[in-house]
Amino acid sequence: MAEESEISPPAAPTAAPTPAPAPLAFAPPPGPVRIPITGELDLHTFQPRETARVIDAYIEACPERGIGVVRIIHGKGTGTLRETVHAHLRRHPDVVSFRLGDESSGGWGATLVGLRTKKVG
C-alpha cells in the first residue's frame, strides 16, 4: 500500500514590497495668476477657498473692458460651489442680477451675471 502524506499547495512567490508613490508636489505659481478677461470665468482650475477673491478680481476687471455680462462656470457636481458663488454674488456691490445659464450657456453648471456699469468721469 502506498504511503499517504499531506500535500500543501505551493507557497505564493513573495514579491518585494511596492514602494509608496512619491507625494505629488503642486506649488502655486509665484505671483498672481493671469487669466484672460473675456466675459467667461471658469472656476474649475481654482481651489474653492479662492472663489470669492477670483470672482471679485474678475468682476472688477470687466467694466474697463466693456463687459457687462459674465458667465461664471462652476460646474454641476453637488451644487456646493454653485451655492458658494451665488451667496457671494448676492453680496457683491457691482452685481445687479444673476441667474443660472440656459441650454446654450451651460445650464445649471454656469451662472450668468449682470454687472453694474461704472460711470466714467
PDB file of N, CA and C in Angstrom:
ATOM      1  N   MET A   1       0.834  -1.153   0.000  1.00  0.00           N
ATOM      2  CA  MET A   1       0.000   0.000   0.000  1.00  0.00           C
ATOM      3  C   MET A   1       0.892   1.234   0.000  1.00  0.00           C
ATOM      4  N   ALA A   2       0.424   2.266  -0.725  1.00  0.00           N
ATOM      5  CA  ALA A   2       1.220   3.485  -0.839  1.00  0.00           C
ATOM      6  C   ALA A   2       1.100   4.289   0.425  1.00  0.00           C
ATOM      7  N   GLU A   3       2.142   4.936   0.720  1.00  0.00           N
ATOM      8  CA  GLU A   3       2.164   5.791   1.896  1.00  0.00           C
ATOM      9  C   GLU A   3       1.410   7.077   1.598  1.00  0.00           C
ATOM     10  N   GLU A   4       0.596   7.543   2.531  1.00  0.00           N
ATOM     11  CA  GLU A   4      -0.137   8.797   2.351  1.00  0.00           C
ATOM     12  C   GLU A   4       0.624   9.916   3.038  1.00  0.00           C
ATOM     13  N   SER A   5       0.599  11.057   2.420  1.00  0.00           N
ATOM     14  CA  SER A   5       1.226  12.219   3.042  1.00  0.00           C
ATOM     15  C   SER A   5       0.403  13.456   2.720  1.00  0.00           C
ATOM     16  N   GLU A   6       0.547  14.429   3.549  1.00  0.00           N
ATOM     17  CA  GLU A   6      -0.186  15.674   3.316  1.00  0.00           C
ATOM     18  C   GLU A   6       0.547  16.480   2.254  1.00  0.00           C
ATOM     19  N   ILE A   7      -0.229  17.027   1.353  1.00  0.00           N
ATOM     20  CA  ILE A   7       0.359  17.858   0.303  1.00  0.00           C
ATOM     21  C   ILE A   7      -0.138  19.281   0.514  1.00  0.00           C
ATOM     22  N   SER A   8       0.791  20.156   0.649  1.00  0.00           N
ATOM     23  CA  SER A   8       0.447  21.570   0.811  1.00  0.00           C
ATOM     24  C   SER A   8       0.526  22.253  -0.542  1.00  0.00           C
ATOM     25  N   PRO A   9      -0.347  23.227  -0.771  1.00  0.00           N
ATOM     26  CA  PRO A   9      -0.235  23.956  -2.037  1.00  0.00           C
ATOM     27  C   PRO A   9       1.085  24.711  -2.062  1.00  0.00           C
ATOM     28  N   PRO A  10       1.605  24.952  -3.255  1.00  0.00           N
ATOM     29  CA  PRO A  10       2.877  25.670  -3.325  1.00  0.00           C
ATOM     30  C   PRO A  10       2.732  27.063  -2.721  1.00  0.00           C
ATOM     31  N   ALA A  11       3.762  27.471  -2.075  1.00  0.00           N
ATOM     32  CA  ALA A  11       3.747  28.809  -1.464  1.00  0.00           C
ATOM     33  C   ALA A  11       3.746  29.859  -2.561  1.00  0.00           C
ATOM     34  N   ALA A  12       2.973  30.915  -2.335  1.00  0.00           N
ATOM     35  CA  ALA A  12       2.939  32.015  -3.299  1.00  0.00           C
ATOM     36  C   ALA A  12       4.282  32.706  -3.306  1.00  0.00           C
ATOM     37  N   PRO A  13       4.754  33.058  -4.478  1.00  0.00           N
ATOM     38  CA  PRO A  13       6.036  33.751  -4.514  1.00  0.00           C
ATOM     39  C   PRO A  13       5.939  35.068  -3.764  1.00  0.00           C
ATOM     40  N   THR A  14       6.948  35.384  -3.052  1.00  0.00           N
ATOM     41  CA  THR A  14       6.948  36.631  -2.304  1.00  0.00           C
ATOM     42  C   THR A  14       7.539  37.720  -3.177  1.00  0.00           C
ATOM     43  N   ALA A  15       6.774  38.776  -3.329  1.00  0.00           N
ATOM     44  CA  ALA A  15       7.235  39.911  -4.132  1.00  0.00           C
ATOM     45  C   ALA A  15       7.810  40.955  -3.189  1.00  0.00           C
ATOM     46  N   ALA A  16       8.705  41.688  -3.713  1.00  0.00           N
ATOM     47  CA  ALA A  16       9.276  42.778  -2.917  1.00  0.00           C
ATOM     48  C   ALA A  16       8.169  43.789  -2.645  1.00  0.00           C
ATOM     49  N   PRO A  17       8.149  44.377  -1.461  1.00  0.00           N
ATOM     50  CA  PRO A  17       7.092  45.356  -1.174  1.00  0.00           C
ATOM     51  C   PRO A  17       7.172  46.522  -2.154  1.00  0.00           C
ATOM     52  N   THR A  18       5.990  46.945  -2.586  1.00  0.00           N
ATOM     53  CA  THR A  18       5.908  48.060  -3.519  1.00  0.00           C
ATOM     54  C   THR A  18       6.173  49.356  -2.762  1.00  0.00           C
ATOM     55  N   PRO A  19       7.112  50.139  -3.239  1.00  0.00           N
ATOM     56  CA  PRO A  19       7.368  51.401  -2.530  1.00  0.00           C
ATOM     57  C   PRO A  19       6.182  52.350  -2.670  1.00  0.00           C
ATOM     58  N   ALA A  20       5.961  53.130  -1.657  1.00  0.00           N
ATOM     59  CA  ALA A  20       4.873  54.109  -1.693  1.00  0.00           C
ATOM     60  C   ALA A  20       5.187  55.145  -2.761  1.00  0.00           C
ATOM     61  N   PRO A  21       4.153  55.580  -3.487  1.00  0.00           N
ATOM     62  CA  PRO A  21       4.413  56.590  -4.508  1.00  0.00           C
ATOM     63  C   PRO A  21       4.885  57.889  -3.867  1.00  0.00           C
ATOM     64  N   ALA A  22       5.727  58.541  -4.575  1.00  0.00           N
ATOM     65  CA  ALA A  22       6.230  59.826  -4.074  1.00  0.00           C
ATOM     66  C   ALA A  22       5.077  60.824  -4.048  1.00  0.00           C
ATOM     67  N   PRO A  23       4.994  61.651  -3.021  1.00  0.00           N
ATOM     68  CA  PRO A  23       3.914  62.633  -2.969  1.00  0.00           C
ATOM     69  C   PRO A  23       4.058  63.630  -4.125  1.00  0.00           C
ATOM     70  N   LEU A  24       2.921  63.990  -4.668  1.00  0.00           N
ATOM     71  CA  LEU A  24       2.933  64.969  -5.747  1.00  0.00           C
ATOM     72  C   LEU A  24       3.111  66.360  -5.146  1.00  0.00           C
ATOM     73  N   ALA A  25       3.918  67.121  -5.745  1.00  0.00           N
ATOM     74  CA  ALA A  25       4.169  68.467  -5.241  1.00  0.00           C
ATOM     75  C   ALA A  25       3.556  69.476  -6.200  1.00  0.00           C
ATOM     76  N   PHE A  26       2.504  70.102  -5.767  1.00  0.00           N
ATOM     77  CA  PHE A  26       1.871  71.158  -6.554  1.00  0.00           C
ATOM     78  C   PHE A  26       2.060  72.452  -5.797  1.00  0.00           C
ATOM     79  N   ALA A  27       2.880  73.255  -6.300  1.00  0.00           N
ATOM     80  CA  ALA A  27       3.107  74.550  -5.670  1.00  0.00           C
ATOM     81  C   ALA A  27       2.414  75.607  -6.514  1.00  0.00           C
ATOM     82  N   PRO A  28       1.752  76.535  -5.870  1.00  0.00           N
ATOM     83  CA  PRO A  28       1.122  77.593  -6.654  1.00  0.00           C
ATOM     84  C   PRO A  28       2.199  78.395  -7.371  1.00  0.00           C
ATOM     85  N   PRO A  29       1.870  78.877  -8.551  1.00  0.00           N
ATOM     86  CA  PRO A  29       2.868  79.674  -9.259  1.00  0.00           C
ATOM     87  C   PRO A  29       3.171  80.940  -8.469  1.00  0.00           C
ATOM     88  N   PRO A  30       4.394  81.428  -8.574  1.00  0.00           N
ATOM     89  CA  PRO A  30       4.718  82.649  -7.839  1.00  0.00           C
ATOM     90  C   PRO A  30       3.968  83.838  -8.434  1.00  0.00           C
ATOM     91  N   GLY A  31       3.479  84.683  -7.567  1.00  0.00           N
ATOM     92  CA  GLY A  31       2.780  85.884  -8.028  1.00  0.00           C
ATOM     93  C   GLY A  31       1.363  85.581  -8.471  1.00  0.00           C
ATOM     94  N   PRO A  32       0.683  86.606  -8.939  1.00  0.00           N
ATOM     95  CA  PRO A  32      -0.710  86.432  -9.346  1.00  0.00           C
ATOM     96  C   PRO A  32      -0.821  85.599 -10.625  1.00  0.00           C
ATOM     97  N   VAL A  33      -1.944  84.897 -10.739  1.00  0.00           N
ATOM     98  CA  VAL A  33      -2.231  84.111 -11.936  1.00  0.00           C
ATOM     99  C   VAL A  33      -2.960  85.025 -12.911  1.00  0.00           C
ATOM    100  N   ARG A  34      -2.489  85.062 -14.141  1.00  0.00           N
ATOM    101  CA  ARG A  34      -3.128  85.896 -15.153  1.00  0.00           C
ATOM    102  C   ARG A  34      -4.147  85.065 -15.922  1.00  0.00           C
ATOM    103  N   ILE A  35      -5.381  85.559 -15.957  1.00  0.00           N
ATOM    104  CA  ILE A  35      -6.418  84.893 -16.737  1.00  0.00           C
ATOM    105  C   ILE A  35      -7.011  85.921 -17.696  1.00  0.00           C
ATOM    106  N   PRO A  36      -7.383  85.489 -18.879  1.00  0.00           N
ATOM    107  CA  PRO A  36      -7.955  86.429 -19.833  1.00  0.00           C
ATOM    108  C   PRO A  36      -9.330  86.914 -19.364  1.00  0.00           C
ATOM    109  N   ILE A  37      -9.602  88.182 -19.568  1.00  0.00           N
ATOM    110  CA  ILE A  37     -10.905  88.759 -19.211  1.00  0.00           C
ATOM    111  C   ILE A  37     -11.735  88.784 -20.488  1.00  0.00           C
ATOM    112  N   THR A  38     -12.567  87.750 -20.651  1.00  0.00           N
ATOM    113  CA  THR A  38     -13.337  87.587 -21.888  1.00  0.00           C
ATOM    114  C   THR A  38     -14.840  87.602 -21.651  1.00  0.00           C
ATOM    115  N   GLY A  39     -15.246  87.671 -20.391  1.00  0.00           N
ATOM    116  CA  GLY A  39     -16.663  87.562 -20.066  1.00  0.00           C
ATOM    117  C   GLY A  39     -17.038  86.158 -19.632  1.00  0.00           C
ATOM    118  N   GLU A  40     -16.055  85.270 -19.579  1.00  0.00           N
ATOM    119  CA  GLU A  40     -16.296  83.903 -19.147  1.00  0.00           C
ATOM    120  C   GLU A  40     -15.222  83.501 -18.138  1.00  0.00           C
ATOM    121  N   LEU A  41     -15.646  83.169 -16.933  1.00  0.00           N
ATOM    122  CA  LEU A  41     -14.729  82.780 -15.865  1.00  0.00           C
ATOM    123  C   LEU A  41     -14.993  81.331 -15.491  1.00  0.00           C
ATOM    124  N   ASP A  42     -14.017  80.467 -15.743  1.00  0.00           N
ATOM    125  CA  ASP A  42     -14.134  79.042 -15.421  1.00  0.00           C
ATOM    126  C   ASP A  42     -13.435  78.790 -14.092  1.00  0.00           C
ATOM    127  N   LEU A  43     -14.202  78.407 -13.087  1.00  0.00           N
ATOM    128  CA  LEU A  43     -13.663  78.204 -11.742  1.00  0.00           C
ATOM    129  C   LEU A  43     -13.059  76.820 -11.528  1.00  0.00           C
ATOM    130  N   HIS A  44     -13.102  75.953 -12.530  1.00  0.00           N
ATOM    131  CA  HIS A  44     -12.586  74.593 -12.358  1.00  0.00           C
ATOM    132  C   HIS A  44     -11.107  74.553 -11.993  1.00  0.00           C
ATOM    133  N   THR A  45     -10.349  75.518 -12.406  1.00  0.00           N
ATOM    134  CA  THR A  45      -8.907  75.482 -12.156  1.00  0.00           C
ATOM    135  C   THR A  45      -8.513  76.113 -10.825  1.00  0.00           C
ATOM    136  N   PHE A  46      -9.475  76.596 -10.062  1.00  0.00           N
ATOM    137  CA  PHE A  46      -9.173  77.270  -8.795  1.00  0.00           C
ATOM    138  C   PHE A  46      -9.643  76.435  -7.615  1.00  0.00           C
ATOM    139  N   GLN A  47      -8.990  76.615  -6.490  1.00  0.00           N
ATOM    140  CA  GLN A  47      -9.398  75.969  -5.252  1.00  0.00           C
ATOM    141  C   GLN A  47     -10.669  76.662  -4.739  1.00  0.00           C
ATOM    142  N   PRO A  48     -11.577  75.921  -4.110  1.00  0.00           N
ATOM    143  CA  PRO A  48     -12.800  76.549  -3.590  1.00  0.00           C
ATOM    144  C   PRO A  48     -12.531  77.733  -2.669  1.00  0.00           C
ATOM    145  N   ARG A  49     -11.450  77.688  -1.895  1.00  0.00           N
ATOM    146  CA  ARG A  49     -11.147  78.796  -0.984  1.00  0.00           C
ATOM    147  C   ARG A  49     -10.774  80.068  -1.739  1.00  0.00           C
ATOM    148  N   GLU A  50     -10.428  79.946  -3.018  1.00  0.00           N
ATOM    149  CA  GLU A  50     -10.044  81.104  -3.834  1.00  0.00           C
ATOM    150  C   GLU A  50     -11.219  81.747  -4.563  1.00  0.00           C
ATOM    151  N   THR A  51     -12.374  81.113  -4.510  1.00  0.00           N
ATOM    152  CA  THR A  51     -13.520  81.522  -5.316  1.00  0.00           C
ATOM    153  C   THR A  51     -13.871  82.993  -5.157  1.00  0.00           C
ATOM    154  N   ALA A  52     -14.083  83.468  -3.959  1.00  0.00           N
ATOM    155  CA  ALA A  52     -14.512  84.858  -3.746  1.00  0.00           C
ATOM    156  C   ALA A  52     -13.480  85.842  -4.274  1.00  0.00           C
ATOM    157  N   ARG A  53     -12.218  85.597  -3.989  1.00  0.00           N
ATOM    158  CA  ARG A  53     -11.155  86.504  -4.432  1.00  0.00           C
ATOM    159  C   ARG A  53     -11.059  86.537  -5.958  1.00  0.00           C
ATOM    160  N   VAL A  54     -11.181  85.384  -6.594  1.00  0.00           N
ATOM    161  CA  VAL A  54     -11.111  85.314  -8.058  1.00  0.00           C
ATOM    162  C   VAL A  54     -12.302  86.026  -8.687  1.00  0.00           C
ATOM    163  N   ILE A  55     -13.491  85.781  -8.155  1.00  0.00           N
ATOM    164  CA  ILE A  55     -14.689  86.440  -8.690  1.00  0.00           C
ATOM    165  C   ILE A  55     -14.568  87.953  -8.540  1.00  0.00           C
ATOM    166  N   ASP A  56     -14.151  88.419  -7.380  1.00  0.00           N
ATOM    167  CA  ASP A  56     -14.010  89.866  -7.152  1.00  0.00           C
ATOM    168  C   ASP A  56     -13.045  90.500  -8.149  1.00  0.00           C
ATOM    169  N   ALA A  57     -11.884  89.881  -8.322  1.00  0.00           N
ATOM    170  CA  ALA A  57     -10.886  90.435  -9.243  1.00  0.00           C
ATOM    171  C   ALA A  57     -11.405  90.423 -10.672  1.00  0.00           C
ATOM    172  N   TYR A  58     -12.101  89.372 -11.052  1.00  0.00           N
ATOM    173  CA  TYR A  58     -12.621  89.264 -12.409  1.00  0.00           C
ATOM    174  C   TYR A  58     -13.690  90.323 -12.665  1.00  0.00           C
ATOM    175  N   ILE A  59     -14.630  90.437 -11.747  1.00  0.00           N
ATOM    176  CA  ILE A  59     -15.705  91.424 -11.902  1.00  0.00           C
ATOM    177  C   ILE A  59     -15.128  92.836 -11.938  1.00  0.00           C
ATOM    178  N   GLU A  60     -14.135  93.092 -11.151  1.00  0.00           N
ATOM    179  CA  GLU A  60     -13.508  94.420 -11.132  1.00  0.00           C
ATOM    180  C   GLU A  60     -12.872  94.756 -12.486  1.00  0.00           C
ATOM    181  N   ALA A  61     -12.337  93.761 -13.162  1.00  0.00           N
ATOM    182  CA  ALA A  61     -11.648  93.998 -14.440  1.00  0.00           C
ATOM    183  C   ALA A  61     -12.601  94.109 -15.631  1.00  0.00           C
ATOM    184  N   CYS A  62     -13.839  93.664 -15.499  1.00  0.00           N
ATOM    185  CA  CYS A  62     -14.758  93.635 -16.642  1.00  0.00           C
ATOM    186  C   CYS A  62     -15.190  95.004 -17.160  1.00  0.00           C
ATOM    187  N   PRO A  63     -15.612  95.945 -16.323  1.00  0.00           N
ATOM    188  CA  PRO A  63     -16.114  97.220 -16.853  1.00  0.00           C
ATOM    189  C   PRO A  63     -15.104  97.979 -17.720  1.00  0.00           C
ATOM    190  N   GLU A  64     -13.839  97.958 -17.350  1.00  0.00           N
ATOM    191  CA  GLU A  64     -12.846  98.689 -18.143  1.00  0.00           C
ATOM    192  C   GLU A  64     -12.634  98.053 -19.513  1.00  0.00           C
ATOM    193  N   ARG A  65     -13.155  96.852 -19.698  1.00  0.00           N
ATOM    194  CA  ARG A  65     -13.083  96.175 -20.998  1.00  0.00           C
ATOM    195  C   ARG A  65     -14.438  96.173 -21.695  1.00  0.00           C
ATOM    196  N   GLY A  66     -15.391  96.876 -21.124  1.00  0.00           N
ATOM    197  CA  GLY A  66     -16.715  96.969 -21.721  1.00  0.00           C
ATOM    198  C   GLY A  66     -17.558  95.715 -21.566  1.00  0.00           C
ATOM    199  N   ILE A  67     -17.254  94.891 -20.595  1.00  0.00           N
ATOM    200  CA  ILE A  67     -18.002  93.651 -20.376  1.00  0.00           C
ATOM    201  C   ILE A  67     -19.057  93.897 -19.310  1.00  0.00           C
ATOM    202  N   GLY A  68     -20.320  93.716 -19.672  1.00  0.00           N
ATOM    203  CA  GLY A  68     -21.422  93.951 -18.749  1.00  0.00           C
ATOM    204  C   GLY A  68     -22.094  92.682 -18.256  1.00  0.00           C
ATOM    205  N   VAL A  69     -21.804  91.548 -18.907  1.00  0.00           N
ATOM    206  CA  VAL A  69     -22.371  90.258 -18.502  1.00  0.00           C
ATOM    207  C   VAL A  69     -21.238  89.242 -18.452  1.00  0.00           C
ATOM    208  N   VAL A  70     -21.188  88.504 -17.357  1.00  0.00           N
ATOM    209  CA  VAL A  70     -20.147  87.495 -17.169  1.00  0.00           C
ATOM    210  C   VAL A  70     -20.812  86.143 -17.000  1.00  0.00           C
ATOM    211  N   ARG A  71     -20.222  85.135 -17.627  1.00  0.00           N
ATOM    212  CA  ARG A  71     -20.666  83.755 -17.410  1.00  0.00           C
ATOM    213  C   ARG A  71     -19.638  83.097 -16.506  1.00  0.00           C
ATOM    214  N   ILE A  72     -20.068  82.695 -15.315  1.00  0.00           N
ATOM    215  CA  ILE A  72     -19.195  82.007 -14.364  1.00  0.00           C
ATOM    216  C   ILE A  72     -19.511  80.514 -14.444  1.00  0.00           C
ATOM    217  N   ILE A  73     -18.497  79.741 -14.798  1.00  0.00           N
ATOM    218  CA  ILE A  73     -18.668  78.292 -14.913  1.00  0.00           C
ATOM    219  C   ILE A  73     -18.198  77.661 -13.602  1.00  0.00           C
ATOM    220  N   HIS A  74     -19.138  77.069 -12.893  1.00  0.00           N
ATOM    221  CA  HIS A  74     -18.828  76.432 -11.611  1.00  0.00           C
ATOM    222  C   HIS A  74     -19.013  74.929 -11.678  1.00  0.00           C
ATOM    223  N   GLY A  75     -19.592  74.438 -12.738  1.00  0.00           N
ATOM    224  CA  GLY A  75     -19.828  73.007 -12.891  1.00  0.00           C
ATOM    225  C   GLY A  75     -21.110  72.586 -12.196  1.00  0.00           C
ATOM    226  N   LYS A  76     -21.548  71.386 -12.507  1.00  0.00           N
ATOM    227  CA  LYS A  76     -22.806  70.885 -11.955  1.00  0.00           C
ATOM    228  C   LYS A  76     -22.564  70.185 -10.628  1.00  0.00           C
ATOM    229  N   GLY A  77     -21.767  69.166 -10.596  1.00  0.00           N
ATOM    230  CA  GLY A  77     -21.381  68.490  -9.350  1.00  0.00           C
ATOM    231  C   GLY A  77     -22.484  68.377  -8.321  1.00  0.00           C
ATOM    232  N   THR A  78     -22.135  68.621  -7.078  1.00  0.00           N
ATOM    233  CA  THR A  78     -23.097  68.514  -5.974  1.00  0.00           C
ATOM    234  C   THR A  78     -23.844  69.823  -5.737  1.00  0.00           C
ATOM    235  N   GLY A  79     -23.385  70.891  -6.362  1.00  0.00           N
ATOM    236  CA  GLY A  79     -24.033  72.187  -6.192  1.00  0.00           C
ATOM    237  C   GLY A  79     -23.409  73.053  -5.114  1.00  0.00           C
ATOM    238  N   THR A  80     -22.417  72.529  -4.421  1.00  0.00           N
ATOM    239  CA  THR A  80     -21.795  73.285  -3.336  1.00  0.00           C
ATOM    240  C   THR A  80     -21.103  74.542  -3.856  1.00  0.00           C
ATOM    241  N   LEU A  81     -20.321  74.402  -4.915  1.00  0.00           N
ATOM    242  CA  LEU A  81     -19.621  75.565  -5.463  1.00  0.00           C
ATOM    243  C   LEU A  81     -20.615  76.575  -6.030  1.00  0.00           C
ATOM    244  N   ARG A  82     -21.657  76.094  -6.683  1.00  0.00           N
ATOM    245  CA  ARG A  82     -22.697  76.994  -7.213  1.00  0.00           C
ATOM    246  C   ARG A  82     -23.319  77.811  -6.076  1.00  0.00           C
ATOM    247  N   GLU A  83     -23.632  77.161  -4.979  1.00  0.00           N
ATOM    248  CA  GLU A  83     -24.218  77.864  -3.833  1.00  0.00           C
ATOM    249  C   GLU A  83     -23.247  78.888  -3.264  1.00  0.00           C
ATOM    250  N   THR A  84     -21.972  78.542  -3.201  1.00  0.00           N
ATOM    251  CA  THR A  84     -20.952  79.478  -2.715  1.00  0.00           C
ATOM    252  C   THR A  84     -20.868  80.693  -3.634  1.00  0.00           C
ATOM    253  N   VAL A  85     -20.859  80.442  -4.938  1.00  0.00           N
ATOM    254  CA  VAL A  85     -20.801  81.536  -5.922  1.00  0.00           C
ATOM    255  C   VAL A  85     -22.025  82.429  -5.779  1.00  0.00           C
ATOM    256  N   HIS A  86     -23.209  81.844  -5.710  1.00  0.00           N
ATOM    257  CA  HIS A  86     -24.441  82.641  -5.609  1.00  0.00           C
ATOM    258  C   HIS A  86     -24.486  83.456  -4.323  1.00  0.00           C
ATOM    259  N   ALA A  87     -24.046  82.875  -3.212  1.00  0.00           N
ATOM    260  CA  ALA A  87     -24.020  83.613  -1.945  1.00  0.00           C
ATOM    261  C   ALA A  87     -23.096  84.818  -2.061  1.00  0.00           C
ATOM    262  N   HIS A  88     -21.966  84.645  -2.729  1.00  0.00           N
ATOM    263  CA  HIS A  88     -21.029  85.759  -2.899  1.00  0.00           C
ATOM    264  C   HIS A  88     -21.608  86.820  -3.827  1.00  0.00           C
ATOM    265  N   LEU A  89     -22.235  86.391  -4.903  1.00  0.00           N
ATOM    266  CA  LEU A  89     -22.814  87.351  -5.850  1.00  0.00           C
ATOM    267  C   LEU A  89     -23.936  88.178  -5.208  1.00  0.00           C
ATOM    268  N   ARG A  90     -24.700  87.574  -4.306  1.00  0.00           N
ATOM    269  CA  ARG A  90     -25.786  88.300  -3.623  1.00  0.00           C
ATOM    270  C   ARG A  90     -25.254  89.505  -2.849  1.00  0.00           C
ATOM    271  N   ARG A  91     -24.035  89.404  -2.357  1.00  0.00           N
ATOM    272  CA  ARG A  91     -23.455  90.475  -1.531  1.00  0.00           C
ATOM    273  C   ARG A  91     -22.547  91.413  -2.320  1.00  0.00           C
ATOM    274  N   HIS A  92     -22.289  91.109  -3.584  1.00  0.00           N
ATOM    275  CA  HIS A  92     -21.321  91.897  -4.349  1.00  0.00           C
ATOM    276  C   HIS A  92     -21.957  93.211  -4.816  1.00  0.00           C
ATOM    277  N   PRO A  93     -21.330  94.346  -4.519  1.00  0.00           N
ATOM    278  CA  PRO A  93     -21.927  95.646  -4.864  1.00  0.00           C
ATOM    279  C   PRO A  93     -22.015  95.933  -6.367  1.00  0.00           C
ATOM    280  N   ASP A  94     -21.224  95.267  -7.194  1.00  0.00           N
ATOM    281  CA  ASP A  94     -21.250  95.525  -8.636  1.00  0.00           C
ATOM    282  C   ASP A  94     -22.142  94.564  -9.409  1.00  0.00           C
ATOM    283  N   VAL A  95     -22.825  93.645  -8.706  1.00  0.00           N
ATOM    284  CA  VAL A  95     -23.705  92.686  -9.359  1.00  0.00           C
ATOM    285  C   VAL A  95     -25.139  93.192  -9.265  1.00  0.00           C
ATOM    286  N   VAL A  96     -25.784  93.354 -10.431  1.00  0.00           N
ATOM    287  CA  VAL A  96     -27.180  93.802 -10.426  1.00  0.00           C
ATOM    288  C   VAL A  96     -28.140  92.624 -10.567  1.00  0.00           C
ATOM    289  N   SER A  97     -27.679  91.527 -11.157  1.00  0.00           N
ATOM    290  CA  SER A  97     -28.537  90.351 -11.304  1.00  0.00           C
ATOM    291  C   SER A  97     -27.670  89.126 -11.599  1.00  0.00           C
ATOM    292  N   PHE A  98     -28.250  87.961 -11.349  1.00  0.00           N
ATOM    293  CA  PHE A  98     -27.615  86.716 -11.784  1.00  0.00           C
ATOM    294  C   PHE A  98     -28.668  85.636 -11.877  1.00  0.00           C
ATOM    295  N   ARG A  99     -28.406  84.662 -12.744  1.00  0.00           N
ATOM    296  CA  ARG A  99     -29.308  83.530 -12.935  1.00  0.00           C
ATOM    297  C   ARG A  99     -28.520  82.358 -13.502  1.00  0.00           C
ATOM    298  N   LEU A 100     -29.072  81.189 -13.365  1.00  0.00           N
ATOM    299  CA  LEU A 100     -28.434  80.021 -13.955  1.00  0.00           C
ATOM    300  C   LEU A 100     -28.467  80.130 -15.472  1.00  0.00           C
ATOM    301  N   GLY A 101     -27.510  79.514 -16.127  1.00  0.00           N
ATOM    302  CA  GLY A 101     -27.473  79.519 -17.576  1.00  0.00           C
ATOM    303  C   GLY A 101     -28.620  78.718 -18.170  1.00  0.00           C
ATOM    304  N   ASP A 102     -28.862  78.935 -19.445  1.00  0.00           N
ATOM    305  CA  ASP A 102     -29.870  78.142 -20.149  1.00  0.00           C
ATOM    306  C   ASP A 102     -29.169  77.028 -20.919  1.00  0.00           C
ATOM    307  N   GLU A 103     -29.895  76.354 -21.797  1.00  0.00           N
ATOM    308  CA  GLU A 103     -29.326  75.218 -22.525  1.00  0.00           C
ATOM    309  C   GLU A 103     -28.096  75.607 -23.344  1.00  0.00           C
ATOM    310  N   SER A 104     -28.067  76.829 -23.831  1.00  0.00           N
ATOM    311  CA  SER A 104     -26.955  77.242 -24.691  1.00  0.00           C
ATOM    312  C   SER A 104     -25.794  77.878 -23.922  1.00  0.00           C
ATOM    313  N   SER A 105     -25.975  78.104 -22.619  1.00  0.00           N
ATOM    314  CA  SER A 105     -24.906  78.769 -21.865  1.00  0.00           C
ATOM    315  C   SER A 105     -24.431  77.976 -20.649  1.00  0.00           C
ATOM    316  N   GLY A 106     -24.677  76.682 -20.650  1.00  0.00           N
ATOM    317  CA  GLY A 106     -24.134  75.851 -19.578  1.00  0.00           C
ATOM    318  C   GLY A 106     -25.138  75.294 -18.593  1.00  0.00           C
ATOM    319  N   GLY A 107     -26.419  75.616 -18.763  1.00  0.00           N
ATOM    320  CA  GLY A 107     -27.425  75.083 -17.851  1.00  0.00           C
ATOM    321  C   GLY A 107     -27.109  75.410 -16.408  1.00  0.00           C
ATOM    322  N   TRP A 108     -27.384  74.467 -15.509  1.00  0.00           N
ATOM    323  CA  TRP A 108     -27.145  74.735 -14.087  1.00  0.00           C
ATOM    324  C   TRP A 108     -25.681  74.553 -13.697  1.00  0.00           C
ATOM    325  N   GLY A 109     -24.793  74.402 -14.687  1.00  0.00           N
ATOM    326  CA  GLY A 109     -23.361  74.362 -14.418  1.00  0.00           C
ATOM    327  C   GLY A 109     -22.691  75.715 -14.591  1.00  0.00           C
ATOM    328  N   ALA A 110     -23.508  76.726 -14.927  1.00  0.00           N
ATOM    329  CA  ALA A 110     -22.960  78.077 -15.127  1.00  0.00           C
ATOM    330  C   ALA A 110     -23.964  79.107 -14.626  1.00  0.00           C
ATOM    331  N   THR A 111     -23.452  80.265 -14.259  1.00  0.00           N
ATOM    332  CA  THR A 111     -24.293  81.371 -13.793  1.00  0.00           C
ATOM    333  C   THR A 111     -23.979  82.592 -14.637  1.00  0.00           C
ATOM    334  N   LEU A 112     -25.033  83.242 -15.136  1.00  0.00           N
ATOM    335  CA  LEU A 112     -24.896  84.480 -15.903  1.00  0.00           C
ATOM    336  C   LEU A 112     -25.071  85.650 -14.942  1.00  0.00           C
ATOM    337  N   VAL A 113     -24.129  86.570 -14.978  1.00  0.00           N
ATOM    338  CA  VAL A 113     -24.087  87.669 -14.017  1.00  0.00           C
ATOM    339  C   VAL A 113     -24.171  88.996 -14.756  1.00  0.00           C
ATOM    340  N   GLY A 114     -25.153  89.827 -14.382  1.00  0.00           N
ATOM    341  CA  GLY A 114     -25.257  91.185 -14.914  1.00  0.00           C
ATOM    342  C   GLY A 114     -24.508  92.133 -13.996  1.00  0.00           C
ATOM    343  N   LEU A 115     -23.635  92.957 -14.598  1.00  0.00           N
ATOM    344  CA  LEU A 115     -22.806  93.852 -13.793  1.00  0.00           C
ATOM    345  C   LEU A 115     -23.290  95.293 -13.880  1.00  0.00           C
ATOM    346  N   ARG A 116     -23.060  96.032 -12.807  1.00  0.00           N
ATOM    347  CA  ARG A 116     -23.351  97.450 -12.751  1.00  0.00           C
ATOM    348  C   ARG A 116     -22.352  98.168 -13.663  1.00  0.00           C
ATOM    349  N   THR A 117     -22.855  99.097 -14.453  1.00  0.00           N
ATOM    350  CA  THR A 117     -21.928  99.868 -15.293  1.00  0.00           C
ATOM    351  C   THR A 117     -21.321 100.982 -14.447  1.00  0.00           C
ATOM    352  N   LYS A 118     -20.055 101.179 -14.629  1.00  0.00           N
ATOM    353  CA  LYS A 118     -19.371 102.214 -13.853  1.00  0.00           C
ATOM    354  C   LYS A 118     -19.338 103.488 -14.670  1.00  0.00           C
ATOM    355  N   LYS A 119     -19.664 104.583 -14.008  1.00  0.00           N
ATOM    356  CA  LYS A 119     -19.644 105.871 -14.676  1.00  0.00           C
ATOM    357  C   LYS A 119     -18.225 106.378 -14.786  1.00  0.00           C
ATOM    358  N   VAL A 120     -17.913 106.880 -15.946  1.00  0.00           N
ATOM    359  CA  VAL A 120     -16.582 107.422 -16.188  1.00  0.00           C
ATOM    360  C   VAL A 120     -16.639 108.929 -15.972  1.00  0.00           C
ATOM    361  N   GLY A 121     -15.651 109.457 -15.251  1.00  0.00           N
ATOM    362  CA  GLY A 121     -15.525 110.899 -15.081  1.00  0.00           C
ATOM    363  C   GLY A 121     -16.226 111.451 -13.947  1.00  0.00           C
TER     364      GLY A 121
END
